[in-house]
Structure formats: C-alpha cells, structure tokens
Amino acid sequence: MKKKVAVVVGGGSGIGAAVVRVLHEAGHELVVMSPSGRGRELAESLGGVGLDGSNRSQDDLASLVDLALRTYGGVDVVVNNSGHGATGPVLDLTDEDWQDGLEGYLLNVVRMARVVTPHLVENGGGSIVNISTSSPFEPNPRYPVSATFRSGLASFVKLYSDEYGPAGVRMNNVLPGWTVADPAAVSPEWTQRIPLRRAAATEEVARVVRFLASDDASYVTGQNIRVDGGVSRGV
C-alpha cells in the first residue's frame, strides 16, 4: 500500500515536532518546514525531506508543496502549525503586532489552502489540520492576538469545508490547552483550573492530529476540536 504524504508547516519544535514524529510512526512520508531548520533536520532524521522557510511566505509554502510533489508525487495531509504572537493589554499592542498575528495565525492557513487544495482535489481528497488554541471561543486576555485571529480561523474552517467537502477535502482545527513536553514537570498548583489537573503532553495533541489526518476521521470536517483537559466551559 502506498504511504500517505504529510506536509507539516512549523514542525521544528513543540506540538509541530510531536506531530512529525507521530505521523512518522503512522507510516507517513514526511515533508517538513520550519524557519529554524529544525523541522528539516527532524524530517531528514526520519527519512523524509524538508526546507527552511516561513509560514508567512506564499513562495515558501509553494516551495514546500512542490518539494512534496517532486519527491513523493502527491500530498495527502497538511498540518499548519505556527509560533507565538505578541502578548499584552489589547491597546498596548501595535499595528505591527496585530498584522503579524494576521499573517501567522490566519493568512498562513489561507495561503497554504490556495497552494495545496488543487492537488488534494485532483487526488480525490485529503485532510488539512490546523493547530489553533483553546481560546477562540473563550478569549484569554493573556493572548489577545492569538484569540482574535484564531476565532477567524474557526470561521474559515467552516467556510472552506462547505466549499471543498464535496471534493473529499477535509479541514479541521485542533484547539490545544496548556501543552508541554513533560506534564509531570508542571506544579499541580498551576493546573487547578483544569479538570484533569495537569497539562497536556505534546504527543497527546499530536495523536488527535493523527486521527484527523487518517481515514478513521473520514466523516469529520469543519470542526474545532478542543484538546484542553476540559478547561473550556462553553457547551
């Protein structure tokens, strides 16, 4: 059976790197990008390929998809991950802070969708998974830029799914809460608001991404899936 090809943007550290490892374990061919070079190095260490680039660059995103097409002949899965934006009181943030958030939290997904969707449609379908945050529906004042633009991403995933669902292309958002490499290292006093009383491990979030990328999630699209230990109170 031909292996699925997974393109991972922002796969150099944290949740993104965990996604790369989990998809490798699931048998995917890997094509990874990060600005630091760590994503490419991780992909190569696992038998895949990668390049150094930014999720804010249409040219870099197109080059990443082209690398997948040249190397493996297609794309089946795309994972969009991004770093951290500016934080602070909402009126202390500059126009540049807000513009950077727009580029890194919303337009990164829109641009990748423009690049890769024709190939997914031609292949008869595929899955796009976006790493978001737990705060689009319950904004966290500590992360105003992230909350603002990722609430827009929550709407975009619905609009995209309406348009490309008939072609078999799925898109979902994963909304992680507090996520660290080693939850055991987090003091219990810091997690009392979380019903599970602990932070998430990066691999736990990555396994949800793996599910959404798989055929087991073939009837799941347009969803914003919380992976936050129950901390969100909305129903």
Protein backbone atom coordinates (compact mmCIF):
# COMPACT_ATOMS: atom_id res chain seq x y z
CA MET A 1 0.00 0.00 0.00
CA LYS A 2 1.31 3.45 -0.94
CA LYS A 3 2.23 5.58 2.04
CA LYS A 4 0.37 8.82 2.62
CA VAL A 5 2.38 12.02 2.23
CA ALA A 6 2.17 14.55 5.06
CA VAL A 7 3.29 18.16 4.74
CA VAL A 8 3.92 19.78 8.13
CA VAL A 9 4.44 23.52 8.48
CA GLY A 10 6.07 24.60 11.72
CA GLY A 11 7.40 21.15 12.56
CA GLY A 12 10.62 22.11 14.29
CA SER A 13 9.62 22.06 17.94
CA GLY A 14 6.77 21.62 20.41
CA ILE A 15 3.48 20.31 19.09
CA GLY A 16 4.70 20.56 15.49
CA ALA A 17 7.67 18.30 16.10
CA ALA A 18 5.47 15.86 18.01
CA VAL A 19 3.12 15.77 15.01
CA VAL A 20 6.05 14.92 12.73
CA ARG A 21 7.09 12.03 14.95
CA VAL A 22 3.56 10.66 15.39
CA LEU A 23 2.83 10.80 11.65
CA HIS A 24 6.13 9.03 11.01
CA GLU A 25 5.06 6.28 13.41
CA ALA A 26 1.79 6.05 11.49
CA GLY A 27 3.70 5.40 8.27
CA HIS A 28 3.52 8.78 6.52
CA GLU A 29 6.14 10.14 4.18
CA LEU A 30 7.25 13.47 5.67
CA VAL A 31 7.79 16.90 4.14
CA VAL A 32 8.52 19.46 6.87
CA MET A 33 9.24 23.18 7.06
CA SER A 34 10.26 25.50 9.89
CA PRO A 35 12.15 28.79 9.98
CA SER A 36 14.86 27.46 12.29
CA GLY A 37 15.97 24.47 10.22
CA ARG A 38 14.98 22.06 12.98
CA GLY A 39 11.94 20.87 11.06
CA ARG A 40 14.04 19.92 8.04
CA GLU A 41 16.58 18.20 10.26
CA LEU A 42 13.88 16.22 12.05
CA ALA A 43 12.30 15.15 8.78
CA GLU A 44 15.64 14.04 7.36
CA SER A 45 16.43 12.07 10.52
CA LEU A 46 13.19 10.15 9.96
CA GLY A 47 13.80 9.51 6.27
CA GLY A 48 11.80 12.47 4.98
CA VAL A 49 12.63 15.80 3.37
CA GLY A 50 12.24 19.42 4.33
CA LEU A 51 13.23 23.00 3.82
CA ASP A 52 13.76 26.13 5.86
CA GLY A 53 11.08 28.78 5.45
CA SER A 54 8.25 30.82 6.90
CA ASN A 55 4.52 30.15 7.07
CA ARG A 56 4.08 33.84 6.28
CA SER A 57 5.57 33.43 2.80
CA GLN A 58 3.42 32.25 -0.08
CA ASP A 59 6.60 31.40 -2.00
CA ASP A 60 7.94 29.23 0.85
CA LEU A 61 4.63 27.40 1.19
CA ALA A 62 4.52 26.79 -2.56
CA SER A 63 8.11 25.52 -2.48
CA LEU A 64 7.20 23.09 0.30
CA VAL A 65 4.28 21.66 -1.66
CA ASP A 66 6.46 21.47 -4.79
CA LEU A 67 9.04 19.53 -2.78
CA ALA A 68 6.37 17.03 -1.78
CA LEU A 69 5.19 16.65 -5.36
CA ARG A 70 8.71 16.21 -6.72
CA THR A 71 9.77 13.77 -4.02
CA TYR A 72 6.66 11.68 -3.46
CA GLY A 73 4.30 12.52 -6.31
CA GLY A 74 1.47 13.98 -4.24
CA VAL A 75 0.11 15.31 -0.98
CA ASP A 76 -2.49 13.67 1.26
CA VAL A 77 -2.21 15.53 4.56
CA VAL A 78 -1.28 19.08 5.53
CA VAL A 79 -0.69 20.26 9.09
CA ASN A 80 -0.44 24.01 9.70
CA ASN A 81 1.32 24.98 12.91
CA SER A 82 2.64 28.37 13.99
CA GLY A 83 4.64 30.05 16.71
CA HIS A 84 3.61 32.56 19.33
CA GLY A 85 2.45 36.10 18.61
CA ALA A 86 2.63 39.27 20.66
CA THR A 87 1.03 39.41 24.10
CA GLY A 88 -0.06 42.25 26.35
CA PRO A 89 -3.01 44.59 27.01
CA VAL A 90 -5.06 45.00 23.84
CA LEU A 91 -4.45 48.74 23.43
CA ASP A 92 -0.72 48.41 24.09
CA LEU A 93 -0.29 46.18 21.05
CA THR A 94 0.97 47.93 17.92
CA ASP A 95 -0.39 47.71 14.40
CA GLU A 96 2.67 45.60 13.60
CA ASP A 97 1.74 43.16 16.40
CA TRP A 98 -1.78 42.74 15.01
CA GLN A 99 -0.54 42.44 11.41
CA ASP A 100 1.96 39.77 12.44
CA GLY A 101 -0.85 37.84 14.11
CA LEU A 102 -2.99 38.06 10.99
CA GLU A 103 -0.10 36.73 8.91
CA GLY A 104 0.88 33.94 11.32
CA TYR A 105 -2.47 32.73 12.64
CA LEU A 106 -4.94 33.13 9.75
CA LEU A 107 -3.39 34.04 6.41
CA ASN A 108 -0.85 31.24 6.80
CA VAL A 109 -3.73 28.76 6.54
CA VAL A 110 -5.46 30.65 3.73
CA ARG A 111 -2.26 30.79 1.69
CA MET A 112 -1.45 27.11 2.15
CA ALA A 113 -5.03 26.24 1.21
CA ARG A 114 -4.66 28.18 -2.04
CA VAL A 115 -1.46 26.31 -2.86
CA VAL A 116 -2.40 22.75 -1.90
CA THR A 117 -6.16 22.47 -2.48
CA PRO A 118 -5.95 21.94 -6.26
CA HIS A 119 -3.64 18.98 -5.68
CA LEU A 120 -5.89 17.50 -2.99
CA VAL A 121 -8.93 17.87 -5.24
CA GLU A 122 -7.06 16.25 -8.13
CA ASN A 123 -6.13 13.35 -5.83
CA GLY A 124 -9.75 12.83 -4.84
CA GLY A 125 -9.47 14.24 -1.35
CA GLY A 126 -7.22 14.84 1.63
CA SER A 127 -7.04 16.33 5.08
CA ILE A 128 -5.84 19.71 6.36
CA VAL A 129 -5.38 20.10 10.11
CA ASN A 130 -4.66 23.47 11.70
CA ILE A 131 -3.16 23.82 15.17
CA SER A 132 -5.12 26.61 16.85
CA THR A 133 -5.60 27.36 20.56
CA SER A 134 -8.17 26.75 23.27
CA SER A 135 -9.15 30.44 23.38
CA PRO A 136 -11.03 31.31 20.14
CA PHE A 137 -14.42 30.88 21.83
CA GLU A 138 -13.36 31.94 25.34
CA PRO A 139 -10.71 34.62 24.72
CA ASN A 140 -7.77 34.60 27.10
CA PRO A 141 -6.66 38.18 27.92
CA ARG A 142 -3.07 36.95 28.10
CA TYR A 143 -3.11 36.12 24.37
CA PRO A 144 -5.31 38.70 22.62
CA VAL A 145 -3.70 38.45 19.19
CA SER A 146 -3.96 34.68 19.10
CA ALA A 147 -7.56 34.68 20.35
CA THR A 148 -8.67 37.31 17.84
CA PHE A 149 -7.29 35.79 14.66
CA ARG A 150 -7.86 32.17 15.62
CA SER A 151 -11.54 32.94 16.12
CA GLY A 152 -11.40 33.98 12.46
CA LEU A 153 -9.72 30.67 11.70
CA ALA A 154 -12.65 28.90 13.39
CA SER A 155 -14.97 30.53 10.86
CA PHE A 156 -12.65 29.91 7.93
CA VAL A 157 -12.59 26.16 8.58
CA LYS A 158 -16.38 26.11 8.27
CA LEU A 159 -16.40 28.11 5.03
CA TYR A 160 -13.62 26.01 3.50
CA SER A 161 -15.36 22.77 4.43
CA ASP A 162 -18.60 23.92 2.81
CA GLU A 163 -16.80 24.60 -0.45
CA TYR A 164 -14.37 21.69 -0.66
CA GLY A 165 -16.17 18.95 1.25
CA PRO A 166 -17.91 17.81 -1.95
CA ALA A 167 -14.44 17.15 -3.41
CA GLY A 168 -13.47 15.00 -0.44
CA VAL A 169 -11.13 17.55 1.10
CA ARG A 170 -11.50 17.93 4.86
CA MET A 171 -10.27 20.72 7.13
CA ASN A 172 -10.35 20.78 10.93
CA ASN A 173 -8.82 22.83 13.72
CA VAL A 174 -7.26 21.38 16.86
CA LEU A 175 -7.59 23.63 19.91
CA PRO A 176 -4.94 22.64 22.47
CA GLY A 177 -4.84 23.95 26.01
CA TRP A 178 -1.69 24.21 28.08
CA THR A 179 0.73 21.84 26.37
CA VAL A 180 4.29 20.98 27.41
CA ALA A 181 6.88 18.33 26.66
CA ASP A 182 6.66 16.84 30.16
CA PRO A 183 3.41 17.43 32.09
CA ALA A 184 4.92 15.81 35.18
CA ALA A 185 7.26 18.78 35.46
CA VAL A 186 4.36 21.22 35.91
CA SER A 187 3.49 22.02 39.51
CA PRO A 188 -0.04 20.84 40.48
CA GLU A 189 -0.80 24.28 41.91
CA TRP A 190 -0.66 25.68 38.37
CA THR A 191 -3.27 23.30 36.96
CA GLN A 192 -6.10 23.57 39.48
CA ARG A 193 -8.47 25.16 36.94
CA ILE A 194 -8.04 22.21 34.58
CA PRO A 195 -10.48 19.37 35.33
CA LEU A 196 -7.82 16.76 34.56
CA ARG A 197 -5.44 18.64 36.88
CA ARG A 198 -2.48 18.52 34.53
CA ALA A 199 -1.11 19.99 31.33
CA ALA A 200 -1.18 18.07 28.07
CA ALA A 201 1.85 16.37 26.58
CA THR A 202 2.73 17.42 23.06
CA GLU A 203 2.24 13.81 21.91
CA GLU A 204 -1.36 13.83 23.19
CA VAL A 205 -2.22 16.74 20.93
CA ALA A 206 -0.28 15.14 18.08
CA ARG A 207 -2.33 11.95 18.35
CA VAL A 208 -5.52 13.97 17.79
CA VAL A 209 -3.91 15.45 14.68
CA ARG A 210 -3.01 11.94 13.53
CA PHE A 211 -6.64 10.86 13.94
CA LEU A 212 -7.94 13.82 11.93
CA ALA A 213 -5.39 13.10 9.22
CA SER A 214 -6.47 9.48 8.98
CA ASP A 215 -9.30 7.68 7.24
CA ASP A 216 -10.75 6.99 10.70
CA ALA A 217 -11.84 10.65 10.62
CA SER A 218 -13.29 10.43 7.11
CA TYR A 219 -16.62 11.96 8.22
CA VAL A 220 -15.09 14.74 10.33
CA THR A 221 -14.71 18.16 8.74
CA GLY A 222 -15.29 21.80 9.60
CA GLN A 223 -14.73 21.16 13.30
CA ASN A 224 -12.91 22.98 16.08
CA ILE A 225 -11.82 20.17 18.37
CA ARG A 226 -10.80 21.07 21.91
CA VAL A 227 -7.89 19.20 23.48
CA ASP A 228 -7.68 21.18 26.69
CA GLY A 229 -8.31 18.81 29.59
CA GLY A 230 -11.84 20.18 29.96
CA VAL A 231 -10.86 23.74 30.83
CA SER A 232 -13.23 25.31 28.27
CA ARG A 233 -16.63 25.95 29.86
CA GLY A 234 -18.70 26.52 26.71
CA VAL A 235 -21.07 23.77 25.55
